[in-house]
Each structure stands twice: as structure tokens, then as C-alpha cells.
Protein backbone atom coordinates (compact mmCIF):
# COMPACT_ATOMS: atom_id res chain seq x y z
CA MET A 1 -28.28 18.16 -9.29
CA THR A 2 -29.48 18.04 -12.88
CA GLY A 3 -32.15 15.38 -12.55
CA GLU A 4 -30.24 13.19 -15.02
CA ALA A 5 -28.82 11.13 -12.17
CA ARG A 6 -29.93 10.23 -8.70
CA VAL A 7 -27.89 9.25 -5.71
CA ASP A 8 -29.43 8.16 -2.43
CA LEU A 9 -26.79 6.56 -0.22
CA LYS A 10 -29.17 5.94 2.66
CA ASN A 11 -31.36 3.69 0.50
CA GLY A 12 -28.54 2.28 -1.57
CA MET A 13 -29.73 3.80 -4.86
CA LYS A 14 -27.08 5.05 -7.28
CA THR A 15 -27.38 5.95 -10.93
CA TYR A 16 -24.51 7.80 -12.51
CA HIS A 17 -24.59 9.98 -15.58
CA PRO A 18 -22.76 8.37 -18.51
CA VAL A 19 -19.62 10.17 -19.58
CA ASP A 20 -21.05 11.12 -22.97
CA LYS A 21 -19.68 13.32 -25.75
CA LYS A 22 -20.95 16.48 -24.08
CA ILE A 23 -19.09 15.70 -20.86
CA ILE A 24 -15.99 14.67 -22.84
CA ASP A 25 -16.08 18.06 -24.56
CA GLN A 26 -16.37 19.84 -21.21
CA LEU A 27 -13.49 17.84 -19.76
CA THR A 28 -11.43 18.65 -22.84
CA GLU A 29 -12.02 22.34 -22.23
CA ILE A 30 -10.59 21.91 -18.74
CA VAL A 31 -7.43 19.87 -19.44
CA GLY A 32 -6.88 20.27 -23.18
CA LYS A 33 -7.31 17.72 -25.96
CA ASP A 34 -3.84 16.25 -25.42
CA HIS A 35 -4.61 15.35 -21.79
CA LEU A 36 -7.75 13.26 -22.12
CA THR A 37 -8.55 9.97 -23.77
CA ALA A 38 -11.67 7.93 -24.36
CA VAL A 39 -10.04 5.50 -26.79
CA LYS A 40 -10.70 1.95 -25.64
CA GLU A 41 -7.09 0.81 -26.13
CA ASP A 42 -5.94 3.66 -23.86
CA LEU A 43 -8.70 3.05 -21.33
CA MET A 44 -7.58 -0.54 -20.94
CA SER A 45 -4.23 0.66 -19.56
CA TYR A 46 -6.12 2.26 -16.66
CA SER A 47 -8.57 -0.58 -16.07
CA TYR A 48 -6.43 -2.76 -13.79
CA ASP A 49 -3.99 -2.68 -10.87
CA GLY A 50 -1.94 -5.16 -8.85
CA THR A 51 -5.03 -7.33 -8.25
CA ALA A 52 -5.21 -8.16 -12.00
CA ARG A 53 -8.92 -7.33 -11.91
CA GLU A 54 -10.25 -5.17 -14.73
CA PHE A 55 -12.91 -2.44 -14.84
CA LEU A 56 -12.96 -0.18 -17.88
CA PRO A 57 -13.35 3.58 -17.26
CA GLU A 58 -15.29 5.76 -19.68
CA ALA A 59 -12.52 8.34 -19.91
CA VAL A 60 -9.08 9.10 -18.47
CA VAL A 61 -8.17 12.69 -17.64
CA PHE A 62 -4.64 13.93 -16.93
CA PRO A 63 -4.92 17.20 -14.95
CA GLY A 64 -1.93 19.52 -14.85
CA SER A 65 -2.86 21.67 -11.85
CA THR A 66 -4.95 21.83 -8.72
CA ASP A 67 -7.29 24.22 -10.51
CA GLU A 68 -7.93 21.67 -13.24
CA VAL A 69 -8.64 18.98 -10.64
CA SER A 70 -11.07 21.37 -8.95
CA ARG A 71 -12.87 22.10 -12.21
CA VAL A 72 -13.15 18.38 -13.02
CA MET A 73 -14.69 17.72 -9.61
CA ARG A 74 -17.14 20.62 -9.98
CA LEU A 75 -18.26 19.16 -13.29
CA ALA A 76 -18.55 15.67 -11.78
CA SER A 77 -20.69 17.07 -8.96
CA GLU A 78 -22.90 18.89 -11.40
CA LYS A 79 -23.39 15.96 -13.77
CA ILE A 80 -22.89 13.19 -11.19
CA PHE A 81 -20.36 10.79 -12.63
CA PRO A 82 -17.69 8.85 -10.72
CA VAL A 83 -14.12 10.11 -10.46
CA VAL A 84 -11.35 7.70 -9.45
CA PRO A 85 -7.95 9.22 -8.52
CA ARG A 86 -5.04 7.08 -9.70
CA GLY A 87 -1.29 7.08 -9.15
CA ALA A 88 0.83 4.33 -10.69
CA GLY A 89 -1.78 1.59 -10.31
CA THR A 90 0.43 -0.57 -8.10
CA GLY A 91 -2.22 -1.14 -5.44
CA MET A 92 -3.05 -4.68 -4.29
CA THR A 93 -6.69 -4.26 -3.21
CA GLY A 94 -8.37 -2.55 -6.18
CA GLY A 95 -8.31 0.92 -4.66
CA SER A 96 -7.78 2.70 -7.99
CA LEU A 97 -10.13 0.57 -10.09
CA PRO A 98 -13.11 2.35 -11.73
CA VAL A 99 -15.62 -0.25 -10.58
CA GLN A 100 -18.56 2.03 -11.47
CA GLY A 101 -17.04 3.36 -14.69
CA GLY A 102 -16.75 7.13 -14.91
CA VAL A 103 -13.50 9.08 -15.15
CA VAL A 104 -10.06 8.01 -13.98
CA LEU A 105 -8.14 11.04 -12.75
CA ALA A 106 -4.55 10.08 -13.59
CA MET A 107 -2.19 12.26 -11.55
CA SER A 108 1.00 11.55 -13.52
CA ARG A 109 1.40 15.15 -14.81
CA LEU A 110 1.47 16.50 -11.26
CA ASP A 111 5.00 15.24 -10.74
CA ARG A 112 7.02 18.17 -9.39
CA ILE A 113 9.14 18.22 -6.27
CA ILE A 114 8.13 21.76 -5.38
CA ARG A 115 10.50 22.39 -2.51
CA ILE A 116 13.11 20.67 -0.37
CA ASP A 117 13.86 22.64 2.80
CA PRO A 118 17.06 21.18 4.33
CA GLU A 119 17.08 23.56 7.30
CA ASN A 120 13.56 22.63 8.42
CA GLN A 121 13.85 19.06 7.11
CA THR A 122 10.67 19.13 5.03
CA ALA A 123 9.72 18.63 1.40
CA LYS A 124 6.65 19.60 -0.60
CA VAL A 125 5.69 17.49 -3.60
CA GLU A 126 2.88 16.90 -6.04
CA PRO A 127 1.11 13.52 -5.91
CA GLY A 128 2.65 12.16 -9.12
CA VAL A 129 6.21 12.25 -7.79
CA ILE A 130 7.81 8.79 -7.75
CA THR A 131 8.66 7.83 -4.17
CA GLY A 132 12.12 6.55 -5.05
CA ASP A 133 12.88 9.78 -6.93
CA LEU A 134 12.02 11.83 -3.84
CA GLN A 135 14.32 9.64 -1.75
CA LYS A 136 17.19 10.23 -4.18
CA GLU A 137 16.66 13.99 -4.27
CA VAL A 138 16.49 14.50 -0.51
CA ARG A 139 19.59 12.34 -0.05
CA ARG A 140 21.56 14.97 -1.98
CA HIS A 141 20.84 17.22 1.01
CA GLY A 142 21.86 14.57 3.54
CA LEU A 143 18.22 13.79 4.32
CA TYR A 144 16.04 10.69 4.29
CA TYR A 145 12.40 9.96 3.51
CA PRO A 146 12.00 6.53 5.16
CA PRO A 147 8.73 4.98 3.81
CA ASP A 148 9.94 2.42 1.26
CA PRO A 149 7.27 0.20 -0.32
CA ALA A 150 8.60 -2.57 -2.54
CA SER A 151 7.34 -0.66 -5.59
CA LEU A 152 9.19 2.54 -4.63
CA SER A 153 10.89 2.80 -8.03
CA PHE A 154 7.55 3.44 -9.72
CA CYS A 155 4.81 4.00 -7.12
CA THR A 156 3.78 7.61 -6.42
CA MET A 157 3.62 9.76 -3.34
CA GLY A 158 -0.08 10.43 -3.88
CA GLY A 159 -0.85 6.73 -3.99
CA ASN A 160 1.35 6.14 -0.93
CA VAL A 161 -0.58 8.77 1.03
CA ALA A 162 -3.96 7.50 -0.16
CA GLU A 163 -3.11 3.96 0.98
CA CYS A 164 -0.81 4.89 3.90
CA ALA A 165 1.98 2.78 2.45
CA GLY A 166 4.64 1.20 4.60
CA GLY A 167 7.64 -0.94 3.77
CA PRO A 168 10.59 -2.68 5.42
CA SER A 169 11.79 0.46 7.24
CA ALA A 170 8.52 0.80 9.15
CA VAL A 171 9.79 -1.27 12.08
CA LYS A 172 12.06 1.63 13.08
CA TYR A 173 10.77 4.65 11.20
CA GLY A 174 7.00 4.17 10.85
CA VAL A 175 4.72 4.43 7.81
CA THR A 176 3.60 7.20 5.47
CA ARG A 177 1.20 8.84 7.94
CA ASP A 178 4.12 9.41 10.32
CA TYR A 179 5.73 11.74 7.76
CA VAL A 180 2.77 13.65 6.36
CA LEU A 181 2.75 17.16 7.84
CA GLY A 182 0.10 18.65 5.59
CA LEU A 183 -1.89 18.18 2.40
CA GLU A 184 -3.57 20.19 -0.32
CA VAL A 185 -6.86 18.50 -1.19
CA VAL A 186 -9.77 18.96 -3.55
CA LEU A 187 -13.18 17.92 -2.27
CA ALA A 188 -15.87 16.21 -4.34
CA ASP A 189 -17.59 19.56 -4.99
CA GLY A 190 -14.35 21.18 -6.18
CA ARG A 191 -13.46 23.13 -3.04
CA VAL A 192 -9.73 23.33 -2.33
CA PHE A 193 -8.08 23.68 1.06
CA LEU A 194 -4.93 22.90 3.03
CA THR A 195 -4.63 20.59 5.99
CA GLY A 196 -1.97 20.26 8.66
CA VAL A 197 1.11 22.36 9.23
CA GLN A 198 4.66 22.91 7.99
CA THR A 199 6.06 22.91 11.52
CA ALA A 200 7.25 20.20 13.87
CA LYS A 201 4.16 20.63 16.06
CA GLY A 202 0.58 21.72 15.46
CA VAL A 203 -2.73 20.92 17.18
CA VAL A 204 -5.11 23.52 15.75
CA GLY A 205 -8.43 21.89 14.90
CA TYR A 206 -9.04 18.31 13.85
CA ASP A 207 -6.19 16.35 12.29
CA LEU A 208 -7.56 16.19 8.76
CA SER A 209 -4.19 15.18 7.34
CA ARG A 210 -4.46 11.90 9.22
CA LEU A 211 -8.06 11.46 8.09
CA PHE A 212 -7.19 11.81 4.41
CA THR A 213 -4.04 9.68 4.72
CA GLY A 214 -5.21 6.14 4.10
CA SER A 215 -8.69 7.17 2.89
CA GLU A 216 -8.06 5.52 -0.50
CA GLY A 217 -9.30 8.43 -2.59
CA THR A 218 -12.82 8.20 -1.18
CA LEU A 219 -12.89 11.58 0.63
CA ALA A 220 -10.80 13.96 -1.48
CA VAL A 221 -8.25 14.21 -4.26
CA ILE A 222 -4.75 14.91 -2.93
CA THR A 223 -2.92 17.52 -5.03
CA GLY A 224 -0.08 18.55 -2.70
CA ILE A 225 1.88 16.79 0.04
CA THR A 226 4.24 18.22 2.67
CA VAL A 227 6.37 15.61 4.41
CA ARG A 228 8.95 15.70 7.15
CA LEU A 229 12.42 14.31 6.59
CA VAL A 230 15.10 12.93 8.89
CA PRO A 231 18.91 12.93 8.64
CA TYR A 232 20.21 10.26 6.31
CA PRO A 233 21.89 7.47 8.30
CA PRO A 234 25.54 7.35 7.21
CA CYS A 235 26.16 3.67 7.91
CA LYS A 236 24.32 0.37 7.51
CA SER A 237 25.01 -3.27 8.19
CA THR A 238 22.93 -6.11 6.78
CA PHE A 239 22.62 -9.67 8.07
CA LEU A 240 21.12 -12.82 6.55
CA VAL A 241 19.95 -15.34 9.15
CA LEU A 242 19.28 -18.89 7.93
CA CYS A 243 16.81 -20.90 9.99
CA LYS A 244 15.98 -24.60 10.29
CA SER A 245 12.23 -24.01 10.46
CA ILE A 246 9.60 -21.35 9.94
CA SER A 247 8.71 -21.46 13.62
CA GLN A 248 12.35 -20.86 14.58
CA ALA A 249 12.53 -17.79 12.35
CA THR A 250 9.25 -16.26 13.50
CA SER A 251 9.93 -16.99 17.18
CA LEU A 252 13.23 -15.11 16.94
CA VAL A 253 11.53 -11.87 15.87
CA SER A 254 10.19 -10.70 19.23
CA GLU A 255 13.36 -11.90 20.98
CA ILE A 256 15.56 -9.82 18.68
CA LEU A 257 13.41 -6.72 19.10
CA ARG A 258 13.47 -7.02 22.87
CA THR A 259 17.09 -5.81 22.95
CA HIS A 260 17.88 -4.59 19.42
CA THR A 261 16.59 -1.76 17.22
CA PRO A 262 16.98 -2.77 13.58
CA CYS A 263 15.78 -0.48 10.81
CA THR A 264 14.44 -3.54 8.99
CA LEU A 265 13.59 -7.07 10.04
CA GLU A 266 12.21 -9.07 7.13
CA TYR A 267 11.07 -12.69 6.94
CA MET A 268 10.75 -15.21 4.09
CA ASP A 269 9.45 -18.76 4.26
CA ARG A 270 10.79 -21.73 2.24
CA THR A 271 8.57 -21.06 -0.79
CA ALA A 272 9.46 -17.37 -0.93
CA ILE A 273 13.15 -18.35 -0.78
CA ARG A 274 12.74 -20.89 -3.55
CA ILE A 275 11.17 -18.52 -6.07
CA VAL A 276 13.97 -15.93 -5.71
CA ARG A 277 16.86 -18.29 -4.96
CA ASP A 278 18.62 -17.40 -8.22
CA LEU A 279 18.78 -13.74 -7.09
CA LEU A 280 20.48 -14.47 -3.78
CA PRO A 281 24.24 -13.82 -3.67
CA ALA A 282 25.32 -17.31 -2.66
CA PRO A 283 23.92 -20.82 -2.19
CA LEU A 284 22.05 -21.23 1.08
CA ALA A 285 22.84 -23.88 3.66
CA ALA A 286 21.10 -27.20 3.08
CA GLY A 287 17.88 -27.46 5.03
CA THR A 288 17.13 -23.73 5.09
CA GLU A 289 13.39 -23.46 5.73
CA ALA A 290 13.16 -19.73 6.41
CA LEU A 291 15.34 -16.67 6.65
CA LEU A 292 15.48 -13.29 8.33
CA LEU A 293 16.96 -10.20 6.69
CA ILE A 294 18.07 -7.78 9.40
CA GLU A 295 19.57 -4.33 8.95
CA PHE A 296 20.89 -1.67 11.32
CA ASP A 297 21.54 1.97 10.44
CA GLY A 298 22.96 5.04 12.15
CA ASP A 299 26.44 6.35 12.86
CA GLY A 300 29.37 4.00 12.36
CA LYS A 301 30.03 3.17 16.01
CA SER A 302 26.36 2.55 16.79
CA VAL A 303 25.93 0.26 13.78
CA GLU A 304 29.06 -1.67 14.71
CA ASN A 305 27.91 -2.11 18.31
CA GLN A 306 24.43 -3.23 17.28
CA GLY A 307 25.85 -5.70 14.76
CA ASP A 308 28.23 -7.17 17.32
CA ALA A 309 25.44 -7.54 19.87
CA LEU A 310 23.24 -9.28 17.28
CA LYS A 311 26.01 -11.72 16.35
CA ILE A 312 26.51 -12.62 20.01
CA PHE A 313 22.79 -13.21 20.45
CA LEU A 314 22.50 -15.30 17.28
CA SER A 315 25.55 -17.38 18.18
CA GLU A 316 23.54 -18.73 21.08
CA GLN A 317 20.76 -19.96 18.78
CA ASP A 318 20.77 -23.27 16.90
CA LEU A 319 20.85 -21.68 13.43
CA LEU A 320 22.04 -22.90 10.03
CA GLY A 321 24.06 -19.77 9.46
CA VAL A 322 24.48 -16.02 9.93
CA GLU A 323 26.04 -13.99 7.14
CA GLU A 324 26.89 -10.30 7.11
CA ALA A 325 26.73 -8.53 3.75
CA GLY A 326 30.19 -7.54 2.61
CA GLY A 327 29.32 -4.06 1.44
CA ASP A 328 26.58 -2.05 -0.24
CA ARG A 329 26.55 -4.11 -3.43
CA GLU A 330 25.97 -7.40 -1.64
CA ALA A 331 23.35 -5.82 0.62
CA GLU A 332 21.53 -4.46 -2.42
CA THR A 333 21.57 -7.92 -3.97
CA LEU A 334 19.79 -9.25 -0.89
CA TRP A 335 17.23 -6.48 -1.10
CA THR A 336 16.69 -7.08 -4.80
CA ALA A 337 15.82 -10.67 -3.97
CA ARG A 338 13.48 -9.59 -1.18
CA ARG A 339 11.66 -7.02 -3.36
CA SER A 340 11.31 -9.61 -6.12
CA VAL A 341 9.30 -12.08 -4.05
CA SER A 342 5.89 -10.69 -4.94
CA PRO A 343 6.34 -10.62 -8.74
CA ALA A 344 8.16 -13.98 -8.64
CA ALA A 345 5.07 -15.56 -7.06
CA PHE A 346 3.58 -15.99 -10.51
CA LYS A 347 6.08 -18.77 -11.12
CA LEU A 348 3.78 -20.82 -8.89
CA LYS A 349 0.32 -20.00 -10.26
CA PRO A 350 -1.16 -17.48 -12.72
CA HIS A 351 -3.10 -15.55 -10.06
CA LYS A 352 -2.76 -14.65 -6.39
CA MET A 353 -4.60 -13.16 -3.45
CA SER A 354 -2.03 -10.91 -1.80
CA GLU A 355 -2.96 -10.24 1.82
CA ASP A 356 -1.00 -7.95 4.14
CA VAL A 357 -2.30 -8.88 7.55
CA VAL A 358 -0.75 -7.70 10.82
CA VAL A 359 -0.63 -9.43 14.19
CA PRO A 360 1.23 -8.66 17.42
CA ARG A 361 4.83 -9.80 16.92
CA THR A 362 4.55 -12.49 19.56
CA ARG A 363 1.64 -14.03 17.61
CA ILE A 364 3.49 -14.38 14.29
CA PRO A 365 4.33 -18.07 14.94
CA GLU A 366 0.63 -18.82 15.43
CA LEU A 367 -0.24 -16.98 12.25
CA VAL A 368 2.24 -18.86 10.07
CA THR A 369 1.16 -22.15 11.65
CA CYS A 370 -2.41 -21.31 10.67
CA VAL A 371 -1.31 -20.55 7.12
CA GLU A 372 0.54 -23.87 6.80
CA THR A 373 -2.53 -25.69 8.12
CA LEU A 374 -4.80 -23.95 5.60
CA SER A 375 -2.42 -24.82 2.78
CA ARG A 376 -2.33 -28.48 3.76
CA ASP A 377 -6.03 -28.91 4.58
CA LEU A 378 -7.31 -27.10 1.48
CA ASP A 379 -4.64 -28.44 -0.89
CA ILE A 380 -3.60 -25.00 -2.14
CA VAL A 381 -0.33 -23.10 -2.42
CA ILE A 382 0.14 -20.40 0.24
CA PHE A 383 3.40 -18.81 1.27
CA THR A 384 4.42 -16.03 3.64
CA PHE A 385 7.02 -13.28 3.77
CA GLY A 386 7.14 -9.66 4.83
CA HIS A 387 7.81 -7.15 7.56
CA ALA A 388 8.11 -9.41 10.57
CA GLY A 389 9.58 -6.59 12.64
CA ASP A 390 6.20 -4.89 12.89
CA GLY A 391 4.07 -8.03 12.58
CA ASN A 392 3.02 -7.22 8.98
CA ILE A 393 3.10 -10.58 7.20
CA HIS A 394 2.27 -10.88 3.50
CA VAL A 395 0.21 -14.01 2.93
CA ASN A 396 0.09 -14.98 -0.74
CA ILE A 397 -2.67 -17.40 -1.71
CA MET A 398 -1.82 -18.71 -5.17
CA LEU A 399 -4.43 -19.96 -7.61
CA ASP A 400 -5.72 -20.36 -11.11
CA ARG A 401 -8.98 -18.40 -11.22
CA ASN A 402 -10.14 -20.55 -14.11
CA ASP A 403 -10.16 -23.57 -11.80
CA LYS A 404 -13.50 -23.16 -10.02
CA GLY A 405 -12.75 -25.64 -7.27
CA GLU A 406 -9.36 -24.14 -6.51
CA LYS A 407 -10.82 -20.63 -6.51
CA GLU A 408 -13.47 -21.67 -3.98
CA ARG A 409 -10.87 -23.29 -1.74
CA CYS A 410 -8.74 -20.15 -1.88
CA GLU A 411 -11.72 -17.99 -0.92
CA THR A 412 -12.29 -20.30 2.02
CA ALA A 413 -8.65 -19.92 3.02
CA LYS A 414 -8.94 -16.13 2.87
CA ARG A 415 -12.00 -16.10 5.14
CA ARG A 416 -10.38 -18.43 7.66
CA LEU A 417 -7.15 -16.43 7.56
CA PHE A 418 -8.93 -13.18 8.33
CA LYS A 419 -10.86 -14.72 11.21
CA GLU A 420 -7.62 -16.07 12.65
CA VAL A 421 -5.90 -12.69 12.30
CA VAL A 422 -8.66 -10.86 14.16
CA GLY A 423 -8.72 -13.60 16.79
CA LEU A 424 -4.99 -13.07 17.34
CA GLY A 425 -5.59 -9.37 18.02
CA GLY A 426 -4.50 -8.32 14.54
CA THR A 427 -5.80 -6.25 11.65
CA LEU A 428 -6.75 -7.14 8.08
CA SER A 429 -4.38 -4.69 6.40
CA GLY A 430 -1.12 -3.05 7.35
CA GLU A 431 -0.38 -1.14 4.15
CA HIS A 432 -2.43 -2.31 1.16
CA GLY A 433 -5.73 -0.82 2.31
CA VAL A 434 -9.25 -2.20 1.89
CA GLY A 435 -10.29 -1.31 -1.68
CA ILE A 436 -12.69 -3.89 -3.05
CA THR A 437 -10.91 -7.09 -2.06
CA LYS A 438 -11.32 -6.75 1.71
CA ALA A 439 -14.50 -4.67 1.96
CA ARG A 440 -16.85 -7.52 2.78
CA PHE A 441 -14.62 -8.62 5.64
CA LEU A 442 -14.64 -5.30 7.53
CA PRO A 443 -17.33 -6.45 10.01
CA LEU A 444 -14.83 -9.03 11.28
CA GLU A 445 -12.69 -6.18 12.63
CA LEU A 446 -14.99 -3.15 12.97
CA ASP A 447 -18.27 -3.11 14.84
CA GLY A 448 -21.48 -1.63 13.44
CA ASN A 449 -21.07 1.69 15.21
CA ALA A 450 -17.57 2.24 13.85
CA LEU A 451 -18.65 1.37 10.31
CA ALA A 452 -21.66 3.69 10.56
CA VAL A 453 -19.49 6.61 11.69
CA MET A 454 -17.08 5.98 8.81
CA GLN A 455 -19.93 5.93 6.31
CA ASP A 456 -21.26 9.18 7.79
CA ILE A 457 -17.82 10.75 7.28
CA LYS A 458 -17.85 9.57 3.67
CA MET A 459 -21.26 11.15 3.11
CA LEU A 460 -20.17 14.40 4.75
CA PHE A 461 -17.25 14.83 2.36
CA ASP A 462 -18.87 13.20 -0.66
CA PRO A 463 -22.69 13.25 -0.39
CA LEU A 464 -23.13 12.27 -4.05
CA ASN A 465 -20.74 9.31 -3.72
CA ILE A 466 -18.78 10.28 -6.83
CA LEU A 467 -15.26 9.95 -5.37
CA ASN A 468 -14.00 6.41 -5.87
CA PRO A 469 -17.38 4.76 -5.22
CA GLY A 470 -17.60 1.11 -4.24
CA LYS A 471 -14.47 1.09 -2.10
CA ILE A 472 -13.86 0.22 1.57
CA PHE A 473 -17.51 -0.48 2.53
CA PRO A 474 -19.74 -1.05 -0.50
CA GLY A 475 -23.44 -1.33 0.22
CA LYS A 476 -25.83 -3.93 -1.03
CA ASP A 477 -26.38 -2.16 -4.35
CA ASP A 478 -22.78 -0.99 -4.71
CA LYS A 479 -21.20 -4.28 -5.68
CA PRO A 480 -18.65 -3.99 -8.48
CA LYS A 481 -19.78 -5.16 -11.88
CA LYS A 482 -17.09 -6.29 -14.27
CA ASN A 483 -17.17 -4.73 -17.72
């Protein structure tokens, strides 16, 4: 420690060294002049994410190797300035925002698929690899990487691991952590090491891969990722189920899963349907208040049998309609509409609070009833959609942040929503993480002992609090200040 900065996490005191010309020069020596910027116009591009909140960094560095990341972290530890790892900036909770300034470590140059091993069904990639690109490459080998967040065409593997991303396929295949076999990481002091294994099994030591997966860049910088793959399912069938009410749609979820194993089971309420209606392949039946998007995959005979069984089950329900996609093109049209819901939300209001709560599947009807009550009682726009198959419902609270009264009512709705979710036996986040937007609500779900242990783990890996400070559980003096 140089004496130019002081960090005392126990007492909540933090003063970071400014990223001055001397530090800029040292960073330039590490990554080269073409891979660093401190120009304000460039910095603005790395000041925001999916939350639409803005915090300006003091510099953005684009490392090209693990060694360069290590050297940046050694310098940060010596001078004590914040470092915020960043993928594509698609996060919805502020996880990659430089709330304390410092350096954004943009991982876009580390974008190689290092190895695809078809025989052992594994792949090794750098963190800047686009998730959708990895899926396309492994499919050439007849393999499948299932995690499929809605932003898969531009989000990165490093960001997916840091947030433990999910997606529609999670109901059958699980989320990112279920595919991470091992990681290469750089600690806050610059040390580099490997976690996990490259084998199907491995129980040597603590499972550090799981610890770092979902840690939101607060414990280490991920520079390498080894994932397991599965055989690509040769056949799929996709069904659109039109429901008379939201309660009918959500009540069907647990009944379907009692005897069927879909690879996706998605839900959209009336508002979500309305904002993407022009993307749907055909007009919907009059009176459609909600829909389910259900898909099966596997070998041809299995998919056919599952589809037939679903149609028999649904024929016994009082539905407005059941439609089977007539091929890949029509199925993709349905999925385009589903993936467009989140960006289309801004047709309703200029801003949104995007929450990704999870409840037990049998409690989904109670959750959506709560949401409708909040919307009515507080006179605000809220709609729901998401991964009903695993209870992960996206609750979008729409607002104009310039309307003080509306903003206050929306904050009230968020607090009440989170209390309801925990009361239903749920969790505050299924795939977006905590970041800055949910940090103050953690005590609703985690008791004091659990939070203290987590903070101790943070201090063990990052005693100077330079890695993505202000995230997950900010202290009293660690509240973000907007530039």
C-alpha cells in the first residue's frame, strides 16, 4: 500500500487513488496505446448497462491476454483503484457499472474459442466469446451448449458466468453453473490459477468454480472458461397455447410439468403479448389474456410422443386455442417475438425496473395475482413474462423516472413485490444477479450470518475492495454516487 489511498472495509472507509496520467501511462505500457482510452466520449460507451443508469469510468482498458489482466490487477492493488470487469454490458442489475469510477476492464479482445473437444464433449473459451457464436460452433460437431439468455446474440460467456445466466432452456437443461467445469481466474492481487476439472467428475478441494460463477466480478476476473456440452437434439416441436386468463395460464404450468418434460415452457401476460403482437405469426384468438410457449426436443419419436401427449392433455382444458408451429421458420418467429418482449417494453414507458424473481412453480398464480394487485392499487404499469417452467418470472415495472410521484410508487411496488416473493418461498433473482439494484433488499432473503460470511469471503479474495466495489452488499459508505 502506497499511503496514497486507504481502504478499511471493517469501518466502511474507502478512498481510491484517482486514475491519473501516471497510472494511465503505466496501463498503456501493459496493454499498448491502441488498447486503452480515457477520452470522455469513449468512456460514456462503458458507463451504462441494461439498467440505463450511468457511472463514468476514469479509463477503459482492453487486455489481450491473461498476463495483461494480471499486470493490470497488480497495478490496481499497488495504487488502489477500482477495476470493473465488463462483457457486453447487457446486465439488468448494474453489475458492470463503475459506480466508484476507476478502470473498466473490457474483455472484448479475449474472444477466442480455444478448443472444442467433440470426443469428451467440452469446450474451452475466453470470456469475450459471444454465447450465440459458441452455440453455432459446437453445433457443427453435433453438440449443444444449452444456456440461452435472450441476449445470446451479443452477450458474452464471461458475463454469463459472472452472473450465472439462464434462459428458456433452463427448465430442462439448467443454467450456466451446470455447465462450467473449470475456470482460469485472476485475483485482485494479480495471482492467476485454475479451478475445477476437465473431466466429468471431480471432488478435489473446494468447488471454487461454483463460487466464482455468479460472483458478479467481485472476487476475481475470469479469463478462461471450460464448459461441458451435450449432444444436439435432432428434433423439436413448438406449441403456442392461448389462454382465457393469466391465472389459467400460470395454473397450467405445474400440471404440465407433472407428466411432461419440455425443454422450454415460457409465459407471457396480456401486456407482453400486446407489445410484440406484430411479431407473432398469426392473429391470436379474441380474448387471449395470456399464452404459453412450450417446446420439446430429443429424437424424432420421443418428440412426437411428447407432443401427442401434450395435445391430449390440453384438449381437456378450456383453452382458446393450441397451435403447433409448422416448421423451424414458424417456431423461430415465435421465439423472435418472445425475445423481443424486454426491448419492446419501452413502448409503454421510457424506463423500467426489470426484476427476475423466482418462486416455486405452484406459487406462480399467487405471484402474478400480487403483481396485478400492485399495478391496480399503485396506478402503475407492471407486466409479467418469462421462464414459467422453472418459476423464474420477469416482472417489469414501467415508469418515467422524471415523474417523482410515479417513481416513488414504483419503488413501493418493488419493495412489496420482493417481500411477497420471499414470503412465497422464492428468491429475488434467478439470473440477473444482485448488482446495485437489489443490494439493499438482500436482508429480506439472507440472514445476518449468511451476509457476514459472504462479506468475509469478499475480503479474503479482495481485501482492498478494488474488484467491482459497491456491488451485491454495499456498506453504509459504499453507496453509488452518480457522476
